[in-house]
C-alpha cells in the first residue's frame, strides 16, 4: 500500500511539472506582444505595400500599445526582405508584409530557392486589394490604349515600361499583355513603385502599370494619363477609364494584394491573435475609408482562408511564368 501511495504521489508530481509548460505557452501568447514588433517590407517607402502597412501598423500599435515598426528592405524582387523574415526567429516579433510578387513569384522568376511561402511561412492574413492602372506620361501622344497598342506593334519601337521589380504583379501584367497580343516594349526594372513612378513623371519612361493607390493622385493632378484598369468593372474613382476586358483582353482581371506572413514555426496562438486583430481593424469604417482614399480595399482573411487564396493565386500565375520563361536572369 505504501509503495502504491508513493507511486501515485510520484505520478502526480510528474504531471504537475508539465502543467506550467502549457500554462506558460498560453499566457505567453496572451501577453504578446510585450516588446516592439517588426513588419518587414520588400519595397522602399512610398509604394502600395508601404502605404497599406503604415495604416494597419498604426492601428496595431494603438491596439496592442507596443510599437509596430515598419522596416523597408528592398531588392531582388522582394526576396531580401522575404529571406530575412524566413530566417528570423519564429517568436512573433518579426513578420513579412509583402505583395503578389515577393510572396509568390520572385523565387521562381529569379530562380533562387531562398524561400517558399508554403515551406517557410505561416500565412496570417490578407490586408488590402488594389486594382492596377495602365498610365502614360502625358507628354506622350498616347490618348487611348489603342494608341499605345498601335505604337507597340511598330517594328523597332522604343516604348519603355517602368516596373517596380521583376516578379511584381505590375511586371506580370505587362508580360501577360505582350504574350497574349504579340506586343513589344522594353521593360525597365526599379526597386519599388516610388522610383518607377518618379521616372514616369520625369518622362524617362513612357508608361507603367501601377496600383490605383499609388497612381490615383498623379492621375487626378494630370501628371499621368490613365488608359485602362485591370479590374473586372470600371472603377468609381476613374469612371471614364475602360477596363482591359473592354479593350479586347477578354476574361482578364487582376489586382495586387498585400498580406502578412510569419516565419514557419511561429506559435499558432500568436498567428491567430494577429489575424483576428487585423480583422477587427479592417472592420472599422474609419480604416476602410483610409484604404478607399488610396484606391484600395481593406479585406482581411483567416490564416486558413489566406492560405487557400495564396494557393489559388500560385496555381494561376506560376504556370504562366514558367510557360513564358519569365526570368530576371
Foldseek 3Di string as FASTA:
>chain_A
DVVVVVVVVVVVVVVVVPVVVVVVVVVLLVLPPPEEAEEEEAFDPDADQNLLCVLLQVLVCVVNVYHYHYHYDYDQQSVVRVLVQLPDDLALRYKYKYKQQNQFNRCVQAVNPSDHCVPWWQFQKWWWKFWKFKKWFVVDPDQAVVSVQVQQPDPPRAAEEEAQAFRAPFVLVVVVCCVVPVGDYHYDYHRGDVVSVVCRLVVVHTITIGTLLNCVVCCVVVSIPTHEIQAPADDPSCNPHYHVCVVPPNPTHGIMIIGMIHTPPNDPSNSQVVLVSSVVVLVDPVSQVSQVNSRMGTDIDGSVVVVVVSVVSNVVPVVVCVVSVNHPD
